[in-house]
Amino acid sequence: MFGAPKIRDLTPDEVKASLDEHKILLVDVREPAEFAAERIHGALNFPLSTFDPNALPEAGDRLIVFQCGSGKRSAMAVERCQKAGHAIRSHLSGGIQAWKGAGLPTVTLDVATGGLRDPR
């Protein structure tokens, strides 16, 4: 009996290591304002509100991994991709909140200057 493909939950440390090794393309499915305020260095913004699995950026030999604020929207993105026939199954479990909880850096907007703070 065949079941639906499962979602693979990745930890912040797994995502960080894979990003550093250029093994994944991290796709942030939060809205543009959320992405502008704070994001993971190297992530691309592809909002769930306008999400089209067939318009995802080319990842080459990297795996696509979705990320959001808490893990809910990124899991939804994985499900939409699977329903459209794409072999994508991974997301950052717990989203950017788990990333920050693990002590990993984010790119933030400096409201005083309008510039970005990238601690990387």
PDB file of N, CA and C in Angstrom:
ATOM      1  N   MET A   1       0.846  -1.174   0.000  1.00  0.00           N
ATOM      2  CA  MET A   1       0.000   0.000   0.000  1.00  0.00           C
ATOM      3  C   MET A   1       0.891   1.236   0.000  1.00  0.00           C
ATOM      4  N   PHE A   2       0.571   2.167  -0.867  1.00  0.00           N
ATOM      5  CA  PHE A   2       1.371   3.374  -0.999  1.00  0.00           C
ATOM      6  C   PHE A   2       0.772   4.501  -0.190  1.00  0.00           C
ATOM      7  N   GLY A   3       1.596   5.175   0.590  1.00  0.00           N
ATOM      8  CA  GLY A   3       1.147   6.329   1.353  1.00  0.00           C
ATOM      9  C   GLY A   3       1.708   7.593   0.751  1.00  0.00           C
ATOM     10  N   ALA A   4       1.261   8.706   1.261  1.00  0.00           N
ATOM     11  CA  ALA A   4       1.781   9.990   0.808  1.00  0.00           C
ATOM     12  C   ALA A   4       3.240  10.118   1.247  1.00  0.00           C
ATOM     13  N   PRO A   5       4.079  10.767   0.439  1.00  0.00           N
ATOM     14  CA  PRO A   5       5.466  10.988   0.850  1.00  0.00           C
ATOM     15  C   PRO A   5       5.499  11.727   2.185  1.00  0.00           C
ATOM     16  N   LYS A   6       6.469  11.416   2.977  1.00  0.00           N
ATOM     17  CA  LYS A   6       6.564  12.040   4.289  1.00  0.00           C
ATOM     18  C   LYS A   6       7.398  13.302   4.233  1.00  0.00           C
ATOM     19  N   ILE A   7       7.136  14.171   5.179  1.00  0.00           N
ATOM     20  CA  ILE A   7       7.918  15.399   5.316  1.00  0.00           C
ATOM     21  C   ILE A   7       9.110  15.094   6.206  1.00  0.00           C
ATOM     22  N   ARG A   8      10.268  15.532   5.769  1.00  0.00           N
ATOM     23  CA  ARG A   8      11.489  15.333   6.543  1.00  0.00           C
ATOM     24  C   ARG A   8      11.772  16.595   7.344  1.00  0.00           C
ATOM     25  N   ASP A   9      11.742  16.455   8.664  1.00  0.00           N
ATOM     26  CA  ASP A   9      12.036  17.566   9.569  1.00  0.00           C
ATOM     27  C   ASP A   9      13.543  17.666   9.772  1.00  0.00           C
ATOM     28  N   LEU A  10      14.110  18.809   9.424  1.00  0.00           N
ATOM     29  CA  LEU A  10      15.538  19.045   9.632  1.00  0.00           C
ATOM     30  C   LEU A  10      15.735  19.960  10.829  1.00  0.00           C
ATOM     31  N   THR A  11      16.785  19.722  11.574  1.00  0.00           N
ATOM     32  CA  THR A  11      17.113  20.577  12.712  1.00  0.00           C
ATOM     33  C   THR A  11      17.849  21.815  12.221  1.00  0.00           C
ATOM     34  N   PRO A  12      17.884  22.860  13.045  1.00  0.00           N
ATOM     35  CA  PRO A  12      18.666  24.036  12.670  1.00  0.00           C
ATOM     36  C   PRO A  12      20.133  23.696  12.376  1.00  0.00           C
ATOM     37  N   ASP A  13      20.730  22.828  13.175  1.00  0.00           N
ATOM     38  CA  ASP A  13      22.127  22.461  12.946  1.00  0.00           C
ATOM     39  C   ASP A  13      22.323  21.730  11.618  1.00  0.00           C
ATOM     40  N   GLU A  14      21.369  20.875  11.252  1.00  0.00           N
ATOM     41  CA  GLU A  14      21.454  20.179   9.958  1.00  0.00           C
ATOM     42  C   GLU A  14      21.341  21.166   8.804  1.00  0.00           C
ATOM     43  N   VAL A  15      20.416  22.116   8.918  1.00  0.00           N
ATOM     44  CA  VAL A  15      20.242  23.115   7.865  1.00  0.00           C
ATOM     45  C   VAL A  15      21.478  24.002   7.774  1.00  0.00           C
ATOM     46  N   LYS A  16      22.011  24.438   8.897  1.00  0.00           N
ATOM     47  CA  LYS A  16      23.210  25.293   8.903  1.00  0.00           C
ATOM     48  C   LYS A  16      24.382  24.583   8.239  1.00  0.00           C
ATOM     49  N   ALA A  17      24.620  23.326   8.611  1.00  0.00           N
ATOM     50  CA  ALA A  17      25.731  22.573   8.019  1.00  0.00           C
ATOM     51  C   ALA A  17      25.538  22.408   6.512  1.00  0.00           C
ATOM     52  N   SER A  18      24.317  22.098   6.088  1.00  0.00           N
ATOM     53  CA  SER A  18      24.048  21.920   4.661  1.00  0.00           C
ATOM     54  C   SER A  18      24.166  23.228   3.890  1.00  0.00           C
ATOM     55  N   LEU A  19      23.758  24.339   4.501  1.00  0.00           N
ATOM     56  CA  LEU A  19      23.936  25.648   3.870  1.00  0.00           C
ATOM     57  C   LEU A  19      25.423  25.956   3.711  1.00  0.00           C
ATOM     58  N   ASP A  20      26.179  25.744   4.767  1.00  0.00           N
ATOM     59  CA  ASP A  20      27.614  26.025   4.732  1.00  0.00           C
ATOM     60  C   ASP A  20      28.338  25.191   3.676  1.00  0.00           C
ATOM     61  N   GLU A  21      27.838  23.980   3.439  1.00  0.00           N
ATOM     62  CA  GLU A  21      28.442  23.081   2.450  1.00  0.00           C
ATOM     63  C   GLU A  21      27.819  23.228   1.067  1.00  0.00           C
ATOM     64  N   HIS A  22      26.903  24.193   0.912  1.00  0.00           N
ATOM     65  CA  HIS A  22      26.217  24.458  -0.362  1.00  0.00           C
ATOM     66  C   HIS A  22      25.485  23.232  -0.890  1.00  0.00           C
ATOM     67  N   LYS A  23      24.912  22.443   0.022  1.00  0.00           N
ATOM     68  CA  LYS A  23      24.179  21.242  -0.357  1.00  0.00           C
ATOM     69  C   LYS A  23      22.687  21.476  -0.504  1.00  0.00           C
ATOM     70  N   ILE A  24      22.192  22.617   0.012  1.00  0.00           N
ATOM     71  CA  ILE A  24      20.759  22.897  -0.068  1.00  0.00           C
ATOM     72  C   ILE A  24      20.510  24.298  -0.611  1.00  0.00           C
ATOM     73  N   LEU A  25      19.303  24.485  -1.129  1.00  0.00           N
ATOM     74  CA  LEU A  25      18.781  25.802  -1.468  1.00  0.00           C
ATOM     75  C   LEU A  25      17.674  26.044  -0.456  1.00  0.00           C
ATOM     76  N   LEU A  26      17.890  27.003   0.432  1.00  0.00           N
ATOM     77  CA  LEU A  26      16.911  27.304   1.472  1.00  0.00           C
ATOM     78  C   LEU A  26      15.900  28.304   0.938  1.00  0.00           C
ATOM     79  N   VAL A  27      14.632  27.927   0.973  1.00  0.00           N
ATOM     80  CA  VAL A  27      13.548  28.760   0.450  1.00  0.00           C
ATOM     81  C   VAL A  27      12.637  29.154   1.611  1.00  0.00           C
ATOM     82  N   ASP A  28      12.607  30.446   1.890  1.00  0.00           N
ATOM     83  CA  ASP A  28      11.797  31.026   2.966  1.00  0.00           C
ATOM     84  C   ASP A  28      10.421  31.336   2.401  1.00  0.00           C
ATOM     85  N   VAL A  29       9.381  30.708   2.943  1.00  0.00           N
ATOM     86  CA  VAL A  29       8.025  30.890   2.411  1.00  0.00           C
ATOM     87  C   VAL A  29       7.208  31.920   3.185  1.00  0.00           C
ATOM     88  N   ARG A  30       7.886  32.711   4.036  1.00  0.00           N
ATOM     89  CA  ARG A  30       7.179  33.780   4.750  1.00  0.00           C
ATOM     90  C   ARG A  30       6.901  34.936   3.785  1.00  0.00           C
ATOM     91  N   GLU A  31       6.100  35.873   4.236  1.00  0.00           N
ATOM     92  CA  GLU A  31       5.749  37.028   3.424  1.00  0.00           C
ATOM     93  C   GLU A  31       6.939  37.990   3.301  1.00  0.00           C
ATOM     94  N   PRO A  32       6.970  38.807   2.233  1.00  0.00           N
ATOM     95  CA  PRO A  32       8.109  39.704   2.002  1.00  0.00           C
ATOM     96  C   PRO A  32       8.459  40.604   3.189  1.00  0.00           C
ATOM     97  N   ALA A  33       7.471  41.121   3.912  1.00  0.00           N
ATOM     98  CA  ALA A  33       7.764  41.993   5.057  1.00  0.00           C
ATOM     99  C   ALA A  33       8.472  41.218   6.168  1.00  0.00           C
ATOM    100  N   GLU A  34       8.062  39.966   6.382  1.00  0.00           N
ATOM    101  CA  GLU A  34       8.725  39.127   7.385  1.00  0.00           C
ATOM    102  C   GLU A  34      10.169  38.852   6.971  1.00  0.00           C
ATOM    103  N   PHE A  35      10.352  38.540   5.703  1.00  0.00           N
ATOM    104  CA  PHE A  35      11.674  38.243   5.160  1.00  0.00           C
ATOM    105  C   PHE A  35      12.584  39.464   5.248  1.00  0.00           C
ATOM    106  N   ALA A  36      12.040  40.643   4.952  1.00  0.00           N
ATOM    107  CA  ALA A  36      12.834  41.877   4.997  1.00  0.00           C
ATOM    108  C   ALA A  36      13.277  42.206   6.421  1.00  0.00           C
ATOM    109  N   ALA A  37      12.432  41.921   7.394  1.00  0.00           N
ATOM    110  CA  ALA A  37      12.739  42.256   8.786  1.00  0.00           C
ATOM    111  C   ALA A  37      13.800  41.345   9.378  1.00  0.00           C
ATOM    112  N   GLU A  38      13.765  40.066   8.995  1.00  0.00           N
ATOM    113  CA  GLU A  38      14.729  39.101   9.542  1.00  0.00           C
ATOM    114  C   GLU A  38      14.720  37.854   8.677  1.00  0.00           C
ATOM    115  N   ARG A  39      15.909  37.360   8.387  1.00  0.00           N
ATOM    116  CA  ARG A  39      16.005  36.155   7.560  1.00  0.00           C
ATOM    117  C   ARG A  39      17.296  35.398   7.846  1.00  0.00           C
ATOM    118  N   ILE A  40      17.346  34.188   7.342  1.00  0.00           N
ATOM    119  CA  ILE A  40      18.544  33.367   7.430  1.00  0.00           C
ATOM    120  C   ILE A  40      19.414  33.706   6.223  1.00  0.00           C
ATOM    121  N   HIS A  41      20.688  33.954   6.485  1.00  0.00           N
ATOM    122  CA  HIS A  41      21.617  34.305   5.405  1.00  0.00           C
ATOM    123  C   HIS A  41      21.618  33.201   4.346  1.00  0.00           C
ATOM    124  N   GLY A  42      21.419  33.601   3.106  1.00  0.00           N
ATOM    125  CA  GLY A  42      21.422  32.664   1.997  1.00  0.00           C
ATOM    126  C   GLY A  42      20.051  32.180   1.561  1.00  0.00           C
ATOM    127  N   ALA A  43      19.019  32.483   2.334  1.00  0.00           N
ATOM    128  CA  ALA A  43      17.666  32.043   1.978  1.00  0.00           C
ATOM    129  C   ALA A  43      17.086  32.910   0.866  1.00  0.00           C
ATOM    130  N   LEU A  44      16.257  32.300   0.036  1.00  0.00           N
ATOM    131  CA  LEU A  44      15.500  33.014  -0.986  1.00  0.00           C
ATOM    132  C   LEU A  44      14.065  33.135  -0.520  1.00  0.00           C
ATOM    133  N   ASN A  45      13.412  34.243  -0.869  1.00  0.00           N
ATOM    134  CA  ASN A  45      12.020  34.443  -0.469  1.00  0.00           C
ATOM    135  C   ASN A  45      11.082  33.996  -1.576  1.00  0.00           C
ATOM    136  N   PHE A  46      10.152  33.122  -1.220  1.00  0.00           N
ATOM    137  CA  PHE A  46       9.166  32.574  -2.145  1.00  0.00           C
ATOM    138  C   PHE A  46       7.877  32.388  -1.347  1.00  0.00           C
ATOM    139  N   PRO A  47       7.105  33.477  -1.132  1.00  0.00           N
ATOM    140  CA  PRO A  47       5.975  33.475  -0.198  1.00  0.00           C
ATOM    141  C   PRO A  47       4.914  32.411  -0.482  1.00  0.00           C
ATOM    142  N   LEU A  48       4.426  31.809   0.577  1.00  0.00           N
ATOM    143  CA  LEU A  48       3.392  30.788   0.453  1.00  0.00           C
ATOM    144  C   LEU A  48       2.097  31.372  -0.120  1.00  0.00           C
ATOM    145  N   SER A  49       1.833  32.653   0.131  1.00  0.00           N
ATOM    146  CA  SER A  49       0.586  33.270  -0.341  1.00  0.00           C
ATOM    147  C   SER A  49       0.487  33.302  -1.866  1.00  0.00           C
ATOM    148  N   THR A  50       1.611  33.267  -2.555  1.00  0.00           N
ATOM    149  CA  THR A  50       1.625  33.268  -4.019  1.00  0.00           C
ATOM    150  C   THR A  50       2.381  32.051  -4.549  1.00  0.00           C
ATOM    151  N   PHE A  51       2.456  31.011  -3.749  1.00  0.00           N
ATOM    152  CA  PHE A  51       3.298  29.855  -4.007  1.00  0.00           C
ATOM    153  C   PHE A  51       2.858  29.051  -5.222  1.00  0.00           C
ATOM    154  N   ASP A  52       3.796  28.792  -6.115  1.00  0.00           N
ATOM    155  CA  ASP A  52       3.572  27.939  -7.280  1.00  0.00           C
ATOM    156  C   ASP A  52       4.728  26.944  -7.334  1.00  0.00           C
ATOM    157  N   PRO A  53       4.485  25.682  -7.009  1.00  0.00           N
ATOM    158  CA  PRO A  53       5.559  24.700  -7.008  1.00  0.00           C
ATOM    159  C   PRO A  53       6.295  24.592  -8.337  1.00  0.00           C
ATOM    160  N   ASN A  54       5.611  24.914  -9.434  1.00  0.00           N
ATOM    161  CA  ASN A  54       6.231  24.808 -10.749  1.00  0.00           C
ATOM    162  C   ASN A  54       7.100  26.015 -11.098  1.00  0.00           C
ATOM    163  N   ALA A  55       7.122  27.021 -10.229  1.00  0.00           N
ATOM    164  CA  ALA A  55       7.926  28.217 -10.484  1.00  0.00           C
ATOM    165  C   ALA A  55       9.099  28.336  -9.511  1.00  0.00           C
ATOM    166  N   LEU A  56       9.405  27.260  -8.806  1.00  0.00           N
ATOM    167  CA  LEU A  56      10.530  27.296  -7.873  1.00  0.00           C
ATOM    168  C   LEU A  56      11.833  27.553  -8.617  1.00  0.00           C
ATOM    169  N   PRO A  57      12.771  28.224  -7.967  1.00  0.00           N
ATOM    170  CA  PRO A  57      14.058  28.470  -8.618  1.00  0.00           C
ATOM    171  C   PRO A  57      14.810  27.158  -8.851  1.00  0.00           C
ATOM    172  N   GLU A  58      15.661  27.162  -9.841  1.00  0.00           N
ATOM    173  CA  GLU A  58      16.490  25.995 -10.162  1.00  0.00           C
ATOM    174  C   GLU A  58      17.501  25.789  -9.042  1.00  0.00           C
ATOM    175  N   ALA A  59      17.550  24.596  -8.513  1.00  0.00           N
ATOM    176  CA  ALA A  59      18.449  24.302  -7.395  1.00  0.00           C
ATOM    177  C   ALA A  59      19.721  23.587  -7.828  1.00  0.00           C
ATOM    178  N   GLY A  60      19.809  23.208  -9.109  1.00  0.00           N
ATOM    179  CA  GLY A  60      20.979  22.469  -9.562  1.00  0.00           C
ATOM    180  C   GLY A  60      21.061  21.132  -8.839  1.00  0.00           C
ATOM    181  N   ASP A  61      22.227  20.835  -8.276  1.00  0.00           N
ATOM    182  CA  ASP A  61      22.393  19.561  -7.576  1.00  0.00           C
ATOM    183  C   ASP A  61      22.096  19.677  -6.081  1.00  0.00           C
ATOM    184  N   ARG A  62      21.598  20.846  -5.664  1.00  0.00           N
ATOM    185  CA  ARG A  62      21.243  21.038  -4.249  1.00  0.00           C
ATOM    186  C   ARG A  62      19.803  20.601  -3.990  1.00  0.00           C
ATOM    187  N   LEU A  63      19.533  20.220  -2.761  1.00  0.00           N
ATOM    188  CA  LEU A  63      18.175  19.899  -2.348  1.00  0.00           C
ATOM    189  C   LEU A  63      17.462  21.186  -1.953  1.00  0.00           C
ATOM    190  N   ILE A  64      16.186  21.279  -2.255  1.00  0.00           N
ATOM    191  CA  ILE A  64      15.387  22.416  -1.797  1.00  0.00           C
ATOM    192  C   ILE A  64      14.860  22.095  -0.404  1.00  0.00           C
ATOM    193  N   VAL A  65      15.068  23.048   0.509  1.00  0.00           N
ATOM    194  CA  VAL A  65      14.572  22.949   1.876  1.00  0.00           C
ATOM    195  C   VAL A  65      13.753  24.197   2.148  1.00  0.00           C
ATOM    196  N   PHE A  66      12.534  24.019   2.643  1.00  0.00           N
ATOM    197  CA  PHE A  66      11.678  25.158   2.955  1.00  0.00           C
ATOM    198  C   PHE A  66      11.840  25.576   4.406  1.00  0.00           C
ATOM    199  N   GLN A  67      11.545  26.851   4.652  1.00  0.00           N
ATOM    200  CA  GLN A  67      11.660  27.423   5.989  1.00  0.00           C
ATOM    201  C   GLN A  67      10.623  28.520   6.122  1.00  0.00           C
ATOM    202  N   CYS A  68      10.081  28.681   7.341  1.00  0.00           N
ATOM    203  CA  CYS A  68       9.138  29.766   7.623  1.00  0.00           C
ATOM    204  C   CYS A  68       9.396  30.252   9.043  1.00  0.00           C
ATOM    205  N   GLY A  69       8.370  30.773   9.694  1.00  0.00           N
ATOM    206  CA  GLY A  69       8.542  31.274  11.051  1.00  0.00           C
ATOM    207  C   GLY A  69       8.555  30.186  12.108  1.00  0.00           C
ATOM    208  N   SER A  70       7.650  29.200  11.969  1.00  0.00           N
ATOM    209  CA  SER A  70       7.514  28.169  13.005  1.00  0.00           C
ATOM    210  C   SER A  70       7.553  26.744  12.469  1.00  0.00           C
ATOM    211  N   GLY A  71       7.487  26.579  11.165  1.00  0.00           N
ATOM    212  CA  GLY A  71       7.484  25.256  10.555  1.00  0.00           C
ATOM    213  C   GLY A  71       6.158  24.874   9.927  1.00  0.00           C
ATOM    214  N   LYS A  72       5.085  25.606  10.241  1.00  0.00           N
ATOM    215  CA  LYS A  72       3.768  25.264   9.701  1.00  0.00           C
ATOM    216  C   LYS A  72       3.676  25.552   8.193  1.00  0.00           C
ATOM    217  N   ARG A  73       4.039  26.762   7.793  1.00  0.00           N
ATOM    218  CA  ARG A  73       3.931  27.118   6.371  1.00  0.00           C
ATOM    219  C   ARG A  73       4.935  26.351   5.513  1.00  0.00           C
ATOM    220  N   SER A  74       6.123  26.086   6.063  1.00  0.00           N
ATOM    221  CA  SER A  74       7.107  25.330   5.282  1.00  0.00           C
ATOM    222  C   SER A  74       6.625  23.897   5.058  1.00  0.00           C
ATOM    223  N   ALA A  75       5.961  23.304   6.031  1.00  0.00           N
ATOM    224  CA  ALA A  75       5.383  21.964   5.853  1.00  0.00           C
ATOM    225  C   ALA A  75       4.286  22.013   4.790  1.00  0.00           C
ATOM    226  N   MET A  76       3.495  23.081   4.781  1.00  0.00           N
ATOM    227  CA  MET A  76       2.454  23.240   3.760  1.00  0.00           C
ATOM    228  C   MET A  76       3.082  23.347   2.368  1.00  0.00           C
ATOM    229  N   ALA A  77       4.209  24.044   2.259  1.00  0.00           N
ATOM    230  CA  ALA A  77       4.898  24.180   0.975  1.00  0.00           C
ATOM    231  C   ALA A  77       5.385  22.819   0.477  1.00  0.00           C
ATOM    232  N   VAL A  78       5.927  22.005   1.392  1.00  0.00           N
ATOM    233  CA  VAL A  78       6.364  20.656   1.022  1.00  0.00           C
ATOM    234  C   VAL A  78       5.171  19.866   0.494  1.00  0.00           C
ATOM    235  N   GLU A  79       4.052  19.920   1.189  1.00  0.00           N
ATOM    236  CA  GLU A  79       2.857  19.185   0.769  1.00  0.00           C
ATOM    237  C   GLU A  79       2.374  19.649  -0.602  1.00  0.00           C
ATOM    238  N   ARG A  80       2.382  20.949  -0.848  1.00  0.00           N
ATOM    239  CA  ARG A  80       1.959  21.463  -2.157  1.00  0.00           C
ATOM    240  C   ARG A  80       2.886  20.970  -3.262  1.00  0.00           C
ATOM    241  N   CYS A  81       4.182  20.933  -2.984  1.00  0.00           N
ATOM    242  CA  CYS A  81       5.141  20.440  -3.973  1.00  0.00           C
ATOM    243  C   CYS A  81       4.898  18.968  -4.276  1.00  0.00           C
ATOM    244  N   GLN A  82       4.675  18.189  -3.235  1.00  0.00           N
ATOM    245  CA  GLN A  82       4.441  16.762  -3.430  1.00  0.00           C
ATOM    246  C   GLN A  82       3.167  16.516  -4.235  1.00  0.00           C
ATOM    247  N   LYS A  83       2.122  17.284  -3.963  1.00  0.00           N
ATOM    248  CA  LYS A  83       0.876  17.140  -4.719  1.00  0.00           C
ATOM    249  C   LYS A  83       1.070  17.506  -6.186  1.00  0.00           C
ATOM    250  N   ALA A  84       2.036  18.410  -6.473  1.00  0.00           N
ATOM    251  CA  ALA A  84       2.327  18.825  -7.844  1.00  0.00           C
ATOM    252  C   ALA A  84       3.337  17.891  -8.514  1.00  0.00           C
ATOM    253  N   GLY A  85       3.760  16.841  -7.794  1.00  0.00           N
ATOM    254  CA  GLY A  85       4.653  15.859  -8.386  1.00  0.00           C
ATOM    255  C   GLY A  85       6.136  16.114  -8.204  1.00  0.00           C
ATOM    256  N   HIS A  86       6.499  17.051  -7.345  1.00  0.00           N
ATOM    257  CA  HIS A  86       7.906  17.344  -7.094  1.00  0.00           C
ATOM    258  C   HIS A  86       8.425  16.501  -5.926  1.00  0.00           C
ATOM    259  N   ALA A  87       9.646  16.038  -6.044  1.00  0.00           N
ATOM    260  CA  ALA A  87      10.249  15.183  -5.008  1.00  0.00           C
ATOM    261  C   ALA A  87      10.934  16.029  -3.938  1.00  0.00           C
ATOM    262  N   ILE A  88      10.188  16.928  -3.348  1.00  0.00           N
ATOM    263  CA  ILE A  88      10.705  17.789  -2.283  1.00  0.00           C
ATOM    264  C   ILE A  88      10.050  17.333  -0.999  1.00  0.00           C
ATOM    265  N   ARG A  89      10.871  17.143   0.040  1.00  0.00           N
ATOM    266  CA  ARG A  89      10.278  16.633   1.276  1.00  0.00           C
ATOM    267  C   ARG A  89      10.841  17.254   2.542  1.00  0.00           C
ATOM    268  N   SER A  90      11.797  18.185   2.439  1.00  0.00           N
ATOM    269  CA  SER A  90      12.469  18.675   3.640  1.00  0.00           C
ATOM    270  C   SER A  90      12.104  20.108   4.004  1.00  0.00           C
ATOM    271  N   HIS A  91      12.050  20.344   5.322  1.00  0.00           N
ATOM    272  CA  HIS A  91      11.848  21.695   5.826  1.00  0.00           C
ATOM    273  C   HIS A  91      12.550  21.842   7.167  1.00  0.00           C
ATOM    274  N   LEU A  92      12.782  23.105   7.540  1.00  0.00           N
ATOM    275  CA  LEU A  92      13.398  23.421   8.823  1.00  0.00           C
ATOM    276  C   LEU A  92      12.322  23.315   9.893  1.00  0.00           C
ATOM    277  N   SER A  93      12.401  22.271  10.692  1.00  0.00           N
ATOM    278  CA  SER A  93      11.428  22.066  11.758  1.00  0.00           C
ATOM    279  C   SER A  93      11.543  23.193  12.781  1.00  0.00           C
ATOM    280  N   GLY A  94      10.420  23.838  13.066  1.00  0.00           N
ATOM    281  CA  GLY A  94      10.421  24.937  14.026  1.00  0.00           C
ATOM    282  C   GLY A  94      10.751  26.290  13.415  1.00  0.00           C
ATOM    283  N   GLY A  95      11.105  26.305  12.139  1.00  0.00           N
ATOM    284  CA  GLY A  95      11.334  27.542  11.408  1.00  0.00           C
ATOM    285  C   GLY A  95      12.444  28.417  11.967  1.00  0.00           C
ATOM    286  N   ILE A  96      12.350  29.690  11.635  1.00  0.00           N
ATOM    287  CA  ILE A  96      13.375  30.644  12.053  1.00  0.00           C
ATOM    288  C   ILE A  96      13.407  30.788  13.581  1.00  0.00           C
ATOM    289  N   GLN A  97      12.286  30.507  14.234  1.00  0.00           N
ATOM    290  CA  GLN A  97      12.275  30.555  15.697  1.00  0.00           C
ATOM    291  C   GLN A  97      13.197  29.473  16.285  1.00  0.00           C
ATOM    292  N   ALA A  98      13.152  28.271  15.715  1.00  0.00           N
ATOM    293  CA  ALA A  98      14.050  27.206  16.166  1.00  0.00           C
ATOM    294  C   ALA A  98      15.496  27.547  15.828  1.00  0.00           C
ATOM    295  N   TRP A  99      15.702  28.159  14.664  1.00  0.00           N
ATOM    296  CA  TRP A  99      17.039  28.584  14.235  1.00  0.00           C
ATOM    297  C   TRP A  99      17.632  29.541  15.266  1.00  0.00           C
ATOM    298  N   LYS A 100      16.858  30.555  15.629  1.00  0.00           N
ATOM    299  CA  LYS A 100      17.337  31.525  16.628  1.00  0.00           C
ATOM    300  C   LYS A 100      17.480  30.876  17.998  1.00  0.00           C
ATOM    301  N   GLY A 101      16.579  29.961  18.334  1.00  0.00           N
ATOM    302  CA  GLY A 101      16.647  29.246  19.597  1.00  0.00           C
ATOM    303  C   GLY A 101      17.910  28.409  19.726  1.00  0.00           C
ATOM    304  N   ALA A 102      18.450  27.991  18.577  1.00  0.00           N
ATOM    305  CA  ALA A 102      19.697  27.218  18.559  1.00  0.00           C
ATOM    306  C   ALA A 102      20.920  28.133  18.598  1.00  0.00           C
ATOM    307  N   GLY A 103      20.670  29.453  18.695  1.00  0.00           N
ATOM    308  CA  GLY A 103      21.776  30.405  18.778  1.00  0.00           C
ATOM    309  C   GLY A 103      22.410  30.741  17.443  1.00  0.00           C
ATOM    310  N   LEU A 104      21.703  30.440  16.344  1.00  0.00           N
ATOM    311  CA  LEU A 104      22.254  30.711  15.017  1.00  0.00           C
ATOM    312  C   LEU A 104      21.880  32.128  14.571  1.00  0.00           C
ATOM    313  N   PRO A 105      22.756  32.772  13.788  1.00  0.00           N
ATOM    314  CA  PRO A 105      22.550  34.183  13.429  1.00  0.00           C
ATOM    315  C   PRO A 105      21.502  34.382  12.336  1.00  0.00           C
ATOM    316  N   THR A 106      20.904  35.564  12.355  1.00  0.00           N
ATOM    317  CA  THR A 106      19.981  35.979  11.300  1.00  0.00           C
ATOM    318  C   THR A 106      20.408  37.342  10.769  1.00  0.00           C
ATOM    319  N   VAL A 107      19.996  37.610   9.547  1.00  0.00           N
ATOM    320  CA  VAL A 107      20.174  38.921   8.943  1.00  0.00           C
ATOM    321  C   VAL A 107      18.965  39.744   9.373  1.00  0.00           C
ATOM    322  N   THR A 108      19.211  40.929   9.940  1.00  0.00           N
ATOM    323  CA  THR A 108      18.108  41.764  10.416  1.00  0.00           C
ATOM    324  C   THR A 108      18.190  43.156   9.798  1.00  0.00           C
ATOM    325  N   LEU A 109      17.073  43.826   9.817  1.00  0.00           N
ATOM    326  CA  LEU A 109      16.981  45.194   9.330  1.00  0.00           C
ATOM    327  C   LEU A 109      17.329  46.148  10.466  1.00  0.00           C
ATOM    328  N   ASP A 110      18.249  47.055  10.209  1.00  0.00           N
ATOM    329  CA  ASP A 110      18.598  48.091  11.183  1.00  0.00           C
ATOM    330  C   ASP A 110      17.634  49.253  10.949  1.00  0.00           C
ATOM    331  N   VAL A 111      16.653  49.403  11.829  1.00  0.00           N
ATOM    332  CA  VAL A 111      15.619  50.423  11.620  1.00  0.00           C
ATOM    333  C   VAL A 111      16.182  51.837  11.726  1.00  0.00           C
ATOM    334  N   ALA A 112      17.295  52.015  12.394  1.00  0.00           N
ATOM    335  CA  ALA A 112      17.895  53.345  12.518  1.00  0.00           C
ATOM    336  C   ALA A 112      18.514  53.823  11.200  1.00  0.00           C
ATOM    337  N   THR A 113      19.101  52.886  10.447  1.00  0.00           N
ATOM    338  CA  THR A 113      19.795  53.266   9.224  1.00  0.00           C
ATOM    339  C   THR A 113      19.135  52.765   7.948  1.00  0.00           C
ATOM    340  N   GLY A 114      18.244  51.779   8.089  1.00  0.00           N
ATOM    341  CA  GLY A 114      17.637  51.175   6.920  1.00  0.00           C
ATOM    342  C   GLY A 114      18.530  50.130   6.283  1.00  0.00           C
ATOM    343  N   GLY A 115      19.706  49.924   6.848  1.00  0.00           N
ATOM    344  CA  GLY A 115      20.638  48.929   6.324  1.00  0.00           C
ATOM    345  C   GLY A 115      20.398  47.571   6.946  1.00  0.00           C
ATOM    346  N   LEU A 116      21.195  46.627   6.503  1.00  0.00           N
ATOM    347  CA  LEU A 116      21.089  45.275   7.019  1.00  0.00           C
ATOM    348  C   LEU A 116      22.212  44.985   8.000  1.00  0.00           C
ATOM    349  N   ARG A 117      21.884  44.196   8.997  1.00  0.00           N
ATOM    350  CA  ARG A 117      22.895  43.673   9.920  1.00  0.00           C
ATOM    351  C   ARG A 117      23.049  42.192   9.607  1.00  0.00           C
ATOM    352  N   ASP A 118      24.218  41.815   9.147  1.00  0.00           N
ATOM    353  CA  ASP A 118      24.488  40.425   8.825  1.00  0.00           C
ATOM    354  C   ASP A 118      25.690  39.979   9.634  1.00  0.00           C
ATOM    355  N   PRO A 119      25.469  39.279  10.742  1.00  0.00           N
ATOM    356  CA  PRO A 119      26.562  38.903  11.625  1.00  0.00           C
ATOM    357  C   PRO A 119      27.448  37.783  11.092  1.00  0.00           C
ATOM    358  N   ARG A 120      27.111  37.266   9.939  1.00  0.00           N
ATOM    359  CA  ARG A 120      27.893  36.178   9.350  1.00  0.00           C
ATOM    360  C   ARG A 120      29.274  36.585   8.986  1.00  0.00           C
TER     361      ARG A 120
END
